[in-house]
Amino acid sequence: MAEFTLVIGTKNYSSWSLRSWLALKRCAVAFDETLIDLAAADRRGKILGYSKAGLVPVLIHDRLIIWETMAICEYLAERFPDAGLWPGEPAARAVCRAVANEMHAGFASLRTHMPMDIRNSYPGVGLGRGVQADIDRIVDIWHDCRQQYGQSGPYLFGGFTIADAMFAPVVARFKTYGVDLPEQAVSYCNHVWECPDMIEWRAAAAAETSVVA
């Protein structure tokens, strides 16, 4: 049994699970994975067995239970500083926290009209009210981060950080719904989409048969 256990939802749909899973993978530590089928009738009861919040993901470390995505990421960043989950330079770290938390708290229209569905393709679907404004703001964030802090690598702050984990489900949405993006945003999406950890998650999502309406 590994020191850490991550309780997650169906990989095809659970965007919050993906975020925590990518952060944990970056720590290069062995962990057990408990997957709860989000289409199952008893899903809520199963999740409540791990967290009173009734939501996934949940990180279990010894007797400690952490039931919220950003809290999980922060805990991992503190416990594994060499993983680089936050940038080392203070200004870059502050901006990284700002954009990660903006993603965490916002973009409700995008979430509503373009839910994550990795194994399917719906080009041109999902452009409901407010979605284009969310897309424009996300592209603007990516452009600013890449221009100011991304010179050392292909991600928003060079190396892979919590900000990239937070935006990874957005990349999946843009792929699923065929969102038209500027060249720099396309390049960033491709780097996230083709990173080894994302490829592993995508393969598992593609192998799932569960369907959430």
N, C-alpha and C. Protein backbone atom coordinates (compact mmCIF):
# COMPACT_ATOMS: atom_id res chain seq x y z
N MET A 1 0.84 -1.20 0.00
CA MET A 1 0.00 0.00 0.00
C MET A 1 0.87 1.24 0.00
N ALA A 2 0.60 2.17 -0.91
CA ALA A 2 1.40 3.39 -1.02
C ALA A 2 1.07 4.36 0.11
N GLU A 3 1.98 5.31 0.32
CA GLU A 3 1.82 6.31 1.37
C GLU A 3 0.64 7.24 1.09
N PHE A 4 0.38 7.51 -0.20
CA PHE A 4 -0.69 8.41 -0.60
C PHE A 4 -1.78 7.62 -1.33
N THR A 5 -3.02 8.06 -1.15
CA THR A 5 -4.14 7.56 -1.93
C THR A 5 -4.90 8.76 -2.48
N LEU A 6 -5.20 8.72 -3.77
CA LEU A 6 -6.00 9.77 -4.39
C LEU A 6 -7.32 9.17 -4.85
N VAL A 7 -8.40 9.70 -4.30
CA VAL A 7 -9.74 9.27 -4.69
C VAL A 7 -10.23 10.20 -5.79
N ILE A 8 -10.58 9.63 -6.93
CA ILE A 8 -10.93 10.43 -8.10
C ILE A 8 -12.24 9.93 -8.71
N GLY A 9 -12.79 10.74 -9.59
CA GLY A 9 -13.97 10.35 -10.34
C GLY A 9 -13.60 9.82 -11.71
N THR A 10 -14.60 9.44 -12.46
CA THR A 10 -14.43 8.90 -13.81
C THR A 10 -13.50 9.81 -14.63
N LYS A 11 -12.46 9.23 -15.21
CA LYS A 11 -11.41 10.04 -15.82
C LYS A 11 -11.88 10.80 -17.06
N ASN A 12 -12.87 10.28 -17.73
CA ASN A 12 -13.34 10.98 -18.92
C ASN A 12 -13.99 12.32 -18.58
N TYR A 13 -14.57 12.41 -17.39
CA TYR A 13 -15.39 13.58 -17.04
C TYR A 13 -14.84 14.44 -15.89
N SER A 14 -14.08 13.86 -14.99
CA SER A 14 -13.77 14.55 -13.74
C SER A 14 -12.58 15.50 -13.89
N SER A 15 -12.89 16.74 -14.21
CA SER A 15 -11.85 17.73 -14.44
C SER A 15 -11.06 18.04 -13.16
N TRP A 16 -11.76 18.11 -12.02
CA TRP A 16 -11.07 18.40 -10.77
C TRP A 16 -10.15 17.26 -10.38
N SER A 17 -10.55 16.04 -10.64
CA SER A 17 -9.67 14.90 -10.37
C SER A 17 -8.40 14.96 -11.21
N LEU A 18 -8.56 15.33 -12.46
CA LEU A 18 -7.40 15.44 -13.35
C LEU A 18 -6.39 16.43 -12.80
N ARG A 19 -6.85 17.56 -12.30
CA ARG A 19 -5.94 18.58 -11.79
C ARG A 19 -5.08 18.05 -10.65
N SER A 20 -5.72 17.43 -9.66
CA SER A 20 -4.98 16.91 -8.53
C SER A 20 -4.07 15.76 -8.94
N TRP A 21 -4.54 14.92 -9.83
CA TRP A 21 -3.77 13.77 -10.30
C TRP A 21 -2.49 14.22 -11.01
N LEU A 22 -2.59 15.23 -11.87
CA LEU A 22 -1.41 15.74 -12.56
C LEU A 22 -0.40 16.32 -11.57
N ALA A 23 -0.88 17.05 -10.57
CA ALA A 23 0.03 17.61 -9.57
C ALA A 23 0.73 16.50 -8.80
N LEU A 24 -0.01 15.48 -8.43
CA LEU A 24 0.58 14.37 -7.68
C LEU A 24 1.58 13.60 -8.53
N LYS A 25 1.28 13.41 -9.80
CA LYS A 25 2.22 12.73 -10.70
C LYS A 25 3.54 13.49 -10.79
N ARG A 26 3.49 14.81 -10.76
CA ARG A 26 4.70 15.63 -10.86
C ARG A 26 5.60 15.45 -9.64
N CYS A 27 5.03 14.97 -8.56
CA CYS A 27 5.83 14.78 -7.34
C CYS A 27 6.65 13.50 -7.38
N ALA A 28 6.42 12.67 -8.39
CA ALA A 28 7.19 11.44 -8.58
C ALA A 28 7.17 10.56 -7.34
N VAL A 29 5.99 10.44 -6.73
CA VAL A 29 5.82 9.60 -5.54
C VAL A 29 4.76 8.55 -5.85
N ALA A 30 4.98 7.34 -5.34
CA ALA A 30 4.00 6.28 -5.56
C ALA A 30 2.69 6.61 -4.84
N PHE A 31 1.57 6.35 -5.49
CA PHE A 31 0.28 6.55 -4.84
C PHE A 31 -0.73 5.54 -5.36
N ASP A 32 -1.68 5.22 -4.49
CA ASP A 32 -2.79 4.36 -4.88
C ASP A 32 -3.91 5.25 -5.42
N GLU A 33 -4.67 4.68 -6.32
CA GLU A 33 -5.74 5.41 -6.98
C GLU A 33 -7.06 4.68 -6.74
N THR A 34 -8.02 5.39 -6.19
CA THR A 34 -9.36 4.85 -5.99
C THR A 34 -10.31 5.61 -6.89
N LEU A 35 -10.88 4.92 -7.88
CA LEU A 35 -11.74 5.57 -8.85
C LEU A 35 -13.20 5.26 -8.56
N ILE A 36 -14.01 6.30 -8.49
CA ILE A 36 -15.44 6.16 -8.26
C ILE A 36 -16.18 6.51 -9.55
N ASP A 37 -17.02 5.61 -9.99
CA ASP A 37 -17.79 5.80 -11.23
C ASP A 37 -18.85 6.88 -11.01
N LEU A 38 -18.71 7.99 -11.69
CA LEU A 38 -19.64 9.11 -11.50
C LEU A 38 -21.01 8.85 -12.12
N ALA A 39 -21.15 7.76 -12.86
CA ALA A 39 -22.46 7.40 -13.42
C ALA A 39 -23.20 6.40 -12.54
N ALA A 40 -22.53 5.89 -11.50
CA ALA A 40 -23.13 4.87 -10.65
C ALA A 40 -24.18 5.48 -9.72
N ALA A 41 -25.23 4.73 -9.46
CA ALA A 41 -26.30 5.23 -8.61
C ALA A 41 -25.84 5.49 -7.18
N ASP A 42 -24.86 4.73 -6.73
CA ASP A 42 -24.39 4.86 -5.35
C ASP A 42 -23.13 5.71 -5.23
N ARG A 43 -22.86 6.55 -6.27
CA ARG A 43 -21.61 7.30 -6.28
C ARG A 43 -21.48 8.24 -5.08
N ARG A 44 -22.55 8.94 -4.73
CA ARG A 44 -22.44 9.90 -3.63
C ARG A 44 -22.14 9.21 -2.31
N GLY A 45 -22.77 8.09 -2.08
CA GLY A 45 -22.50 7.34 -0.85
C GLY A 45 -21.05 6.88 -0.78
N LYS A 46 -20.52 6.46 -1.92
CA LYS A 46 -19.12 6.03 -1.94
C LYS A 46 -18.18 7.20 -1.67
N ILE A 47 -18.47 8.35 -2.27
CA ILE A 47 -17.61 9.51 -2.05
C ILE A 47 -17.70 9.96 -0.60
N LEU A 48 -18.89 9.93 -0.03
CA LEU A 48 -19.05 10.33 1.37
C LEU A 48 -18.28 9.42 2.32
N GLY A 49 -17.96 8.23 1.86
CA GLY A 49 -17.13 7.35 2.66
C GLY A 49 -15.71 7.84 2.81
N TYR A 50 -15.31 8.78 1.95
CA TYR A 50 -13.97 9.37 2.01
C TYR A 50 -13.99 10.82 2.48
N SER A 51 -15.07 11.55 2.18
CA SER A 51 -15.12 12.97 2.52
C SER A 51 -16.56 13.41 2.75
N LYS A 52 -16.78 14.16 3.83
CA LYS A 52 -18.11 14.66 4.13
C LYS A 52 -18.57 15.72 3.13
N ALA A 53 -17.64 16.28 2.36
CA ALA A 53 -18.01 17.25 1.34
C ALA A 53 -18.75 16.59 0.18
N GLY A 54 -18.57 15.29 0.00
CA GLY A 54 -19.27 14.57 -1.05
C GLY A 54 -18.75 14.84 -2.44
N LEU A 55 -17.50 15.26 -2.54
CA LEU A 55 -16.90 15.60 -3.83
C LEU A 55 -15.55 14.92 -3.99
N VAL A 56 -15.17 14.71 -5.23
CA VAL A 56 -13.81 14.27 -5.56
C VAL A 56 -13.08 15.43 -6.23
N PRO A 57 -11.76 15.44 -6.12
CA PRO A 57 -10.85 14.44 -5.57
C PRO A 57 -10.70 14.56 -4.05
N VAL A 58 -10.14 13.50 -3.48
CA VAL A 58 -9.76 13.47 -2.07
C VAL A 58 -8.37 12.87 -1.98
N LEU A 59 -7.46 13.56 -1.31
CA LEU A 59 -6.12 13.04 -1.08
C LEU A 59 -6.04 12.53 0.35
N ILE A 60 -5.59 11.30 0.50
CA ILE A 60 -5.41 10.69 1.82
C ILE A 60 -3.93 10.43 2.02
N HIS A 61 -3.38 10.99 3.09
CA HIS A 61 -1.97 10.80 3.43
C HIS A 61 -1.90 10.44 4.90
N ASP A 62 -1.57 9.17 5.17
CA ASP A 62 -1.65 8.64 6.52
C ASP A 62 -3.08 8.87 7.04
N ARG A 63 -3.25 9.65 8.12
CA ARG A 63 -4.60 9.90 8.64
C ARG A 63 -5.15 11.25 8.18
N LEU A 64 -4.39 11.95 7.39
CA LEU A 64 -4.82 13.26 6.90
C LEU A 64 -5.70 13.10 5.67
N ILE A 65 -6.84 13.79 5.64
CA ILE A 65 -7.74 13.78 4.49
C ILE A 65 -7.87 15.21 3.98
N ILE A 66 -7.57 15.41 2.70
CA ILE A 66 -7.68 16.73 2.06
C ILE A 66 -8.68 16.57 0.93
N TRP A 67 -9.75 17.38 0.97
CA TRP A 67 -10.89 17.13 0.08
C TRP A 67 -11.14 18.24 -0.93
N GLU A 68 -10.19 19.08 -1.18
CA GLU A 68 -10.40 20.18 -2.12
C GLU A 68 -9.17 20.32 -3.01
N THR A 69 -9.39 20.56 -4.31
CA THR A 69 -8.32 20.47 -5.30
C THR A 69 -7.17 21.42 -5.02
N MET A 70 -7.45 22.69 -4.81
CA MET A 70 -6.36 23.63 -4.60
C MET A 70 -5.63 23.33 -3.30
N ALA A 71 -6.35 22.91 -2.27
CA ALA A 71 -5.70 22.54 -1.02
C ALA A 71 -4.79 21.33 -1.23
N ILE A 72 -5.23 20.38 -2.05
CA ILE A 72 -4.38 19.23 -2.37
C ILE A 72 -3.10 19.70 -3.06
N CYS A 73 -3.25 20.57 -4.05
CA CYS A 73 -2.08 21.06 -4.79
C CYS A 73 -1.12 21.82 -3.88
N GLU A 74 -1.66 22.67 -3.02
CA GLU A 74 -0.82 23.42 -2.09
C GLU A 74 -0.08 22.48 -1.13
N TYR A 75 -0.77 21.48 -0.64
CA TYR A 75 -0.13 20.51 0.26
C TYR A 75 1.02 19.80 -0.44
N LEU A 76 0.79 19.38 -1.67
CA LEU A 76 1.83 18.69 -2.43
C LEU A 76 3.01 19.61 -2.70
N ALA A 77 2.73 20.88 -3.02
CA ALA A 77 3.81 21.83 -3.28
C ALA A 77 4.68 22.04 -2.04
N GLU A 78 4.05 22.07 -0.88
CA GLU A 78 4.80 22.24 0.36
C GLU A 78 5.59 20.98 0.71
N ARG A 79 5.01 19.85 0.47
CA ARG A 79 5.66 18.59 0.86
C ARG A 79 6.74 18.18 -0.12
N PHE A 80 6.59 18.56 -1.38
CA PHE A 80 7.56 18.19 -2.41
C PHE A 80 8.06 19.44 -3.13
N PRO A 81 8.85 20.27 -2.47
CA PRO A 81 9.29 21.53 -3.08
C PRO A 81 10.12 21.33 -4.35
N ASP A 82 10.82 20.21 -4.45
CA ASP A 82 11.65 19.97 -5.63
C ASP A 82 10.82 19.66 -6.88
N ALA A 83 9.53 19.41 -6.72
CA ALA A 83 8.66 19.12 -7.88
C ALA A 83 8.39 20.38 -8.70
N GLY A 84 8.65 21.56 -8.12
CA GLY A 84 8.46 22.80 -8.88
C GLY A 84 7.02 23.13 -9.18
N LEU A 85 6.10 22.73 -8.30
CA LEU A 85 4.69 22.98 -8.56
C LEU A 85 4.34 24.47 -8.52
N TRP A 86 5.12 25.26 -7.80
CA TRP A 86 5.08 26.71 -7.90
C TRP A 86 6.42 27.19 -8.41
N PRO A 87 6.47 28.25 -9.21
CA PRO A 87 7.76 28.79 -9.67
C PRO A 87 8.62 29.24 -8.49
N GLY A 88 9.92 29.17 -8.68
CA GLY A 88 10.84 29.54 -7.62
C GLY A 88 10.95 31.03 -7.40
N GLU A 89 10.79 31.82 -8.45
CA GLU A 89 10.96 33.27 -8.35
C GLU A 89 9.68 33.89 -7.79
N PRO A 90 9.79 34.79 -6.79
CA PRO A 90 8.61 35.28 -6.09
C PRO A 90 7.55 35.93 -6.98
N ALA A 91 7.94 36.77 -7.93
CA ALA A 91 6.95 37.44 -8.78
C ALA A 91 6.22 36.42 -9.65
N ALA A 92 6.97 35.50 -10.24
CA ALA A 92 6.35 34.46 -11.06
C ALA A 92 5.44 33.58 -10.21
N ARG A 93 5.86 33.29 -9.00
CA ARG A 93 5.04 32.46 -8.11
C ARG A 93 3.72 33.17 -7.76
N ALA A 94 3.79 34.47 -7.52
CA ALA A 94 2.57 35.23 -7.21
C ALA A 94 1.60 35.23 -8.39
N VAL A 95 2.11 35.44 -9.58
CA VAL A 95 1.26 35.44 -10.77
C VAL A 95 0.70 34.04 -11.03
N CYS A 96 1.54 33.03 -10.82
CA CYS A 96 1.09 31.65 -11.01
C CYS A 96 -0.07 31.33 -10.06
N ARG A 97 0.05 31.76 -8.81
CA ARG A 97 -1.04 31.56 -7.86
C ARG A 97 -2.30 32.31 -8.31
N ALA A 98 -2.11 33.52 -8.81
CA ALA A 98 -3.25 34.32 -9.24
C ALA A 98 -4.01 33.66 -10.37
N VAL A 99 -3.30 33.18 -11.40
CA VAL A 99 -4.00 32.59 -12.55
C VAL A 99 -4.57 31.22 -12.19
N ALA A 100 -3.88 30.47 -11.33
CA ALA A 100 -4.41 29.17 -10.91
C ALA A 100 -5.71 29.36 -10.14
N ASN A 101 -5.74 30.35 -9.26
CA ASN A 101 -6.95 30.60 -8.49
C ASN A 101 -8.05 31.22 -9.33
N GLU A 102 -7.69 32.02 -10.33
CA GLU A 102 -8.72 32.53 -11.23
C GLU A 102 -9.41 31.38 -11.96
N MET A 103 -8.62 30.41 -12.40
CA MET A 103 -9.21 29.23 -13.04
C MET A 103 -10.06 28.45 -12.05
N HIS A 104 -9.57 28.33 -10.84
CA HIS A 104 -10.26 27.58 -9.80
C HIS A 104 -11.65 28.17 -9.52
N ALA A 105 -11.75 29.50 -9.53
CA ALA A 105 -12.98 30.15 -9.09
C ALA A 105 -13.90 30.61 -10.22
N GLY A 106 -13.39 30.70 -11.44
CA GLY A 106 -14.15 31.36 -12.48
C GLY A 106 -14.52 30.49 -13.67
N PHE A 107 -14.85 31.19 -14.76
CA PHE A 107 -15.14 30.58 -16.06
C PHE A 107 -16.36 29.65 -16.01
N ALA A 108 -17.40 30.12 -15.34
CA ALA A 108 -18.60 29.30 -15.16
C ALA A 108 -19.29 28.97 -16.48
N SER A 109 -19.28 29.91 -17.42
CA SER A 109 -19.95 29.65 -18.71
C SER A 109 -19.25 28.52 -19.46
N LEU A 110 -17.93 28.55 -19.48
CA LEU A 110 -17.18 27.49 -20.15
C LEU A 110 -17.46 26.14 -19.50
N ARG A 111 -17.44 26.10 -18.18
CA ARG A 111 -17.68 24.85 -17.47
C ARG A 111 -19.09 24.31 -17.78
N THR A 112 -20.06 25.22 -17.85
CA THR A 112 -21.45 24.81 -18.05
C THR A 112 -21.70 24.29 -19.45
N HIS A 113 -21.22 25.01 -20.44
CA HIS A 113 -21.56 24.69 -21.83
C HIS A 113 -20.56 23.75 -22.50
N MET A 114 -19.36 23.61 -21.92
CA MET A 114 -18.35 22.72 -22.49
C MET A 114 -17.80 21.80 -21.41
N PRO A 115 -18.61 20.91 -20.87
CA PRO A 115 -18.10 19.99 -19.84
C PRO A 115 -17.01 19.08 -20.41
N MET A 116 -16.08 18.69 -19.56
CA MET A 116 -14.99 17.84 -20.03
C MET A 116 -15.52 16.48 -20.46
N ASP A 117 -15.13 16.05 -21.64
CA ASP A 117 -15.54 14.76 -22.20
C ASP A 117 -14.42 14.34 -23.15
N ILE A 118 -13.40 13.74 -22.59
CA ILE A 118 -12.14 13.54 -23.31
C ILE A 118 -12.30 12.61 -24.51
N ARG A 119 -13.09 11.58 -24.38
CA ARG A 119 -13.09 10.56 -25.43
C ARG A 119 -14.04 10.86 -26.58
N ASN A 120 -14.71 12.00 -26.53
CA ASN A 120 -15.63 12.35 -27.59
C ASN A 120 -15.22 13.64 -28.28
N SER A 121 -15.86 13.95 -29.39
CA SER A 121 -15.56 15.14 -30.18
C SER A 121 -16.85 15.82 -30.59
N TYR A 122 -16.96 17.12 -30.24
CA TYR A 122 -18.16 17.89 -30.57
C TYR A 122 -17.76 19.24 -31.18
N PRO A 123 -17.10 19.24 -32.31
CA PRO A 123 -16.63 20.52 -32.87
C PRO A 123 -17.79 21.47 -33.15
N GLY A 124 -17.61 22.70 -32.70
CA GLY A 124 -18.62 23.73 -32.94
C GLY A 124 -19.75 23.76 -31.94
N VAL A 125 -19.77 22.82 -31.01
CA VAL A 125 -20.83 22.76 -30.01
C VAL A 125 -20.36 23.51 -28.76
N GLY A 126 -21.30 24.03 -27.97
CA GLY A 126 -20.98 24.56 -26.65
C GLY A 126 -20.74 26.05 -26.56
N LEU A 127 -20.90 26.78 -27.66
CA LEU A 127 -20.65 28.22 -27.62
C LEU A 127 -21.88 28.97 -27.11
N GLY A 128 -22.25 28.65 -25.86
CA GLY A 128 -23.38 29.32 -25.24
C GLY A 128 -23.00 30.70 -24.74
N ARG A 129 -23.94 31.33 -24.08
CA ARG A 129 -23.75 32.69 -23.61
C ARG A 129 -22.55 32.79 -22.65
N GLY A 130 -21.67 33.70 -22.93
CA GLY A 130 -20.52 33.95 -22.07
C GLY A 130 -19.32 33.08 -22.34
N VAL A 131 -19.46 32.05 -23.16
CA VAL A 131 -18.35 31.12 -23.38
C VAL A 131 -17.20 31.79 -24.12
N GLN A 132 -17.50 32.55 -25.17
CA GLN A 132 -16.41 33.17 -25.92
C GLN A 132 -15.63 34.15 -25.06
N ALA A 133 -16.31 34.86 -24.17
CA ALA A 133 -15.61 35.77 -23.26
C ALA A 133 -14.67 35.00 -22.35
N ASP A 134 -15.11 33.82 -21.87
CA ASP A 134 -14.24 32.98 -21.05
C ASP A 134 -13.03 32.51 -21.86
N ILE A 135 -13.28 32.08 -23.09
CA ILE A 135 -12.18 31.62 -23.95
C ILE A 135 -11.18 32.75 -24.18
N ASP A 136 -11.67 33.93 -24.48
CA ASP A 136 -10.79 35.08 -24.73
C ASP A 136 -9.93 35.39 -23.50
N ARG A 137 -10.53 35.34 -22.31
CA ARG A 137 -9.77 35.61 -21.09
C ARG A 137 -8.71 34.55 -20.85
N ILE A 138 -9.03 33.30 -21.08
CA ILE A 138 -8.07 32.22 -20.91
C ILE A 138 -6.90 32.38 -21.87
N VAL A 139 -7.19 32.66 -23.12
CA VAL A 139 -6.13 32.86 -24.12
C VAL A 139 -5.24 34.03 -23.72
N ASP A 140 -5.86 35.08 -23.18
CA ASP A 140 -5.10 36.25 -22.72
C ASP A 140 -4.17 35.88 -21.56
N ILE A 141 -4.66 35.11 -20.62
CA ILE A 141 -3.82 34.63 -19.50
C ILE A 141 -2.64 33.84 -20.03
N TRP A 142 -2.92 32.90 -20.91
CA TRP A 142 -1.85 32.06 -21.46
C TRP A 142 -0.80 32.90 -22.17
N HIS A 143 -1.25 33.86 -22.95
CA HIS A 143 -0.32 34.70 -23.71
C HIS A 143 0.57 35.50 -22.75
N ASP A 144 -0.03 36.13 -21.75
CA ASP A 144 0.75 36.94 -20.82
C ASP A 144 1.76 36.09 -20.04
N CYS A 145 1.32 34.94 -19.57
CA CYS A 145 2.24 34.08 -18.80
C CYS A 145 3.38 33.57 -19.67
N ARG A 146 3.06 33.15 -20.87
CA ARG A 146 4.11 32.65 -21.77
C ARG A 146 5.11 33.78 -22.11
N GLN A 147 4.60 34.98 -22.36
CA GLN A 147 5.46 36.09 -22.74
C GLN A 147 6.37 36.52 -21.58
N GLN A 148 5.83 36.56 -20.37
CA GLN A 148 6.58 37.07 -19.23
C GLN A 148 7.42 36.02 -18.52
N TYR A 149 6.92 34.77 -18.47
CA TYR A 149 7.56 33.79 -17.60
C TYR A 149 7.86 32.44 -18.26
N GLY A 150 7.52 32.29 -19.53
CA GLY A 150 7.59 30.97 -20.14
C GLY A 150 8.81 30.68 -20.98
N GLN A 151 9.86 31.50 -20.85
CA GLN A 151 11.01 31.33 -21.74
C GLN A 151 11.79 30.03 -21.51
N SER A 152 11.70 29.46 -20.31
CA SER A 152 12.54 28.31 -19.97
C SER A 152 11.90 26.97 -20.32
N GLY A 153 10.71 26.98 -20.87
CA GLY A 153 10.05 25.71 -21.20
C GLY A 153 8.73 25.95 -21.91
N PRO A 154 7.98 24.89 -22.22
CA PRO A 154 6.78 25.03 -23.05
C PRO A 154 5.51 25.36 -22.28
N TYR A 155 5.60 25.43 -20.95
CA TYR A 155 4.39 25.63 -20.16
C TYR A 155 4.24 27.09 -19.75
N LEU A 156 3.23 27.43 -19.01
CA LEU A 156 2.92 28.83 -18.73
C LEU A 156 4.06 29.55 -18.01
N PHE A 157 4.75 28.84 -17.14
CA PHE A 157 5.87 29.41 -16.40
C PHE A 157 7.16 28.65 -16.69
N GLY A 158 7.26 28.14 -17.89
CA GLY A 158 8.43 27.35 -18.29
C GLY A 158 8.22 25.89 -17.98
N GLY A 159 8.50 25.51 -16.73
CA GLY A 159 8.22 24.15 -16.29
C GLY A 159 6.77 23.98 -15.88
N PHE A 160 6.34 22.74 -15.75
CA PHE A 160 4.96 22.42 -15.41
C PHE A 160 4.67 22.83 -13.97
N THR A 161 3.61 23.60 -13.75
CA THR A 161 3.23 24.07 -12.43
C THR A 161 1.76 23.77 -12.15
N ILE A 162 1.32 24.17 -10.97
CA ILE A 162 -0.09 24.01 -10.62
C ILE A 162 -0.99 24.76 -11.60
N ALA A 163 -0.52 25.88 -12.12
CA ALA A 163 -1.32 26.60 -13.11
C ALA A 163 -1.61 25.73 -14.33
N ASP A 164 -0.63 24.98 -14.79
CA ASP A 164 -0.84 24.09 -15.94
C ASP A 164 -1.80 22.96 -15.57
N ALA A 165 -1.69 22.44 -14.35
CA ALA A 165 -2.62 21.41 -13.91
C ALA A 165 -4.04 21.96 -13.87
N MET A 166 -4.19 23.21 -13.44
CA MET A 166 -5.51 23.81 -13.37
C MET A 166 -6.11 24.02 -14.76
N PHE A 167 -5.27 24.35 -15.74
CA PHE A 167 -5.78 24.60 -17.09
C PHE A 167 -5.83 23.35 -17.97
N ALA A 168 -5.30 22.22 -17.50
CA ALA A 168 -5.30 21.00 -18.32
C ALA A 168 -6.71 20.58 -18.75
N PRO A 169 -7.73 20.63 -17.88
CA PRO A 169 -9.07 20.29 -18.35
C PRO A 169 -9.61 21.28 -19.37
N VAL A 170 -9.14 22.52 -19.33
CA VAL A 170 -9.54 23.49 -20.35
C VAL A 170 -8.96 23.08 -21.69
N VAL A 171 -7.71 22.65 -21.68
CA VAL A 171 -7.10 22.14 -22.91
C VAL A 171 -7.95 20.99 -23.46
N ALA A 172 -8.36 20.09 -22.58
CA ALA A 172 -9.21 18.97 -23.02
C ALA A 172 -10.52 19.47 -23.63
N ARG A 173 -11.11 20.46 -23.00
CA ARG A 173 -12.35 21.03 -23.54
C ARG A 173 -12.11 21.65 -24.92
N PHE A 174 -11.06 22.41 -25.06
CA PHE A 174 -10.77 23.03 -26.35
C PHE A 174 -10.57 21.98 -27.44
N LYS A 175 -9.95 20.86 -27.08
CA LYS A 175 -9.77 19.77 -28.05
C LYS A 175 -11.12 19.13 -28.40
N THR A 176 -11.93 18.83 -27.40
CA THR A 176 -13.21 18.16 -27.62
C THR A 176 -14.15 18.99 -28.47
N TYR A 177 -14.20 20.32 -28.20
CA TYR A 177 -15.18 21.17 -28.86
C TYR A 177 -14.59 21.93 -30.06
N GLY A 178 -13.36 21.60 -30.43
CA GLY A 178 -12.76 22.17 -31.63
C GLY A 178 -12.69 23.68 -31.59
N VAL A 179 -12.30 24.24 -30.44
CA VAL A 179 -12.27 25.69 -30.29
C VAL A 179 -11.16 26.29 -31.14
N ASP A 180 -11.49 27.32 -31.88
CA ASP A 180 -10.53 28.02 -32.73
C ASP A 180 -9.66 28.92 -31.85
N LEU A 181 -8.34 28.72 -31.91
CA LEU A 181 -7.41 29.42 -31.03
C LEU A 181 -6.28 30.04 -31.82
N PRO A 182 -5.65 31.10 -31.29
CA PRO A 182 -4.46 31.65 -31.94
C PRO A 182 -3.29 30.67 -31.84
N GLU A 183 -2.29 30.90 -32.67
CA GLU A 183 -1.18 29.94 -32.81
C GLU A 183 -0.48 29.65 -31.49
N GLN A 184 -0.21 30.68 -30.70
CA GLN A 184 0.50 30.45 -29.44
C GLN A 184 -0.32 29.58 -28.49
N ALA A 185 -1.63 29.80 -28.45
CA ALA A 185 -2.50 28.99 -27.60
C ALA A 185 -2.56 27.55 -28.09
N VAL A 186 -2.58 27.36 -29.40
CA VAL A 186 -2.57 26.01 -29.97
C VAL A 186 -1.29 25.28 -29.57
N SER A 187 -0.16 25.97 -29.64
CA SER A 187 1.12 25.36 -29.26
C SER A 187 1.11 24.94 -27.80
N TYR A 188 0.61 25.82 -26.93
CA TYR A 188 0.54 25.49 -25.51
C TYR A 188 -0.37 24.29 -25.29
N CYS A 189 -1.55 24.30 -25.91
CA CYS A 189 -2.47 23.17 -25.78
C CYS A 189 -1.82 21.86 -26.18
N ASN A 190 -1.09 21.89 -27.26
CA ASN A 190 -0.45 20.66 -27.76
C ASN A 190 0.59 20.14 -26.78
N HIS A 191 1.34 21.03 -26.15
CA HIS A 191 2.34 20.58 -25.17
C HIS A 191 1.68 19.94 -23.95
N VAL A 192 0.59 20.53 -23.48
CA VAL A 192 -0.12 19.94 -22.35
C VAL A 192 -0.76 18.61 -22.77
N TRP A 193 -1.40 18.61 -23.91
CA TRP A 193 -2.13 17.42 -24.40
C TRP A 193 -1.19 16.23 -24.60
N GLU A 194 0.05 16.50 -25.01
CA GLU A 194 0.98 15.43 -25.35
C GLU A 194 2.02 15.15 -24.26
N CYS A 195 1.89 15.80 -23.10
CA CYS A 195 2.84 15.46 -22.03
C CYS A 195 2.54 14.05 -21.54
N PRO A 196 3.55 13.30 -21.08
CA PRO A 196 3.35 11.88 -20.75
C PRO A 196 2.24 11.62 -19.74
N ASP A 197 2.13 12.45 -18.73
CA ASP A 197 1.08 12.21 -17.73
C ASP A 197 -0.31 12.41 -18.33
N MET A 198 -0.45 13.41 -19.19
CA MET A 198 -1.75 13.64 -19.83
C MET A 198 -2.08 12.49 -20.78
N ILE A 199 -1.09 11.99 -21.48
CA ILE A 199 -1.31 10.85 -22.38
C ILE A 199 -1.80 9.65 -21.58
N GLU A 200 -1.21 9.44 -20.41
CA GLU A 200 -1.63 8.32 -19.55
C GLU A 200 -3.08 8.49 -19.11
N TRP A 201 -3.45 9.68 -18.69
CA TRP A 201 -4.82 9.94 -18.26
C TRP A 201 -5.80 9.76 -19.43
N ARG A 202 -5.43 10.30 -20.58
CA ARG A 202 -6.30 10.20 -21.75
C ARG A 202 -6.53 8.75 -22.15
N ALA A 203 -5.50 7.93 -22.09
CA ALA A 203 -5.63 6.52 -22.45
C ALA A 203 -6.60 5.82 -21.50
N ALA A 204 -6.50 6.14 -20.22
CA ALA A 204 -7.43 5.54 -19.25
C ALA A 204 -8.85 6.03 -19.49
N ALA A 205 -9.01 7.30 -19.81
CA ALA A 205 -10.35 7.84 -20.10
C ALA A 205 -10.95 7.17 -21.32
N ALA A 206 -10.13 6.95 -22.34
CA ALA A 206 -10.61 6.32 -23.57
C ALA A 206 -11.05 4.88 -23.34
N ALA A 207 -10.47 4.22 -22.32
CA ALA A 207 -10.80 2.84 -22.05
C ALA A 207 -12.05 2.68 -21.18
N GLU A 208 -12.51 3.79 -20.60
CA GLU A 208 -13.70 3.72 -19.76
C GLU A 208 -14.96 3.52 -20.61
N THR A 209 -15.95 2.89 -20.01
CA THR A 209 -17.24 2.70 -20.71
C THR A 209 -18.38 3.43 -20.03
N SER A 210 -18.13 3.99 -18.85
CA SER A 210 -19.17 4.70 -18.12
C SER A 210 -19.60 5.96 -18.87
N VAL A 211 -20.90 6.23 -18.87
CA VAL A 211 -21.43 7.41 -19.54
C VAL A 211 -22.24 8.24 -18.55
N VAL A 212 -21.86 9.50 -18.41
CA VAL A 212 -22.59 10.45 -17.58
C VAL A 212 -23.44 11.30 -18.49
N ALA A 213 -24.74 11.36 -18.28
CA ALA A 213 -25.63 12.14 -19.15
C ALA A 213 -25.27 13.61 -19.10
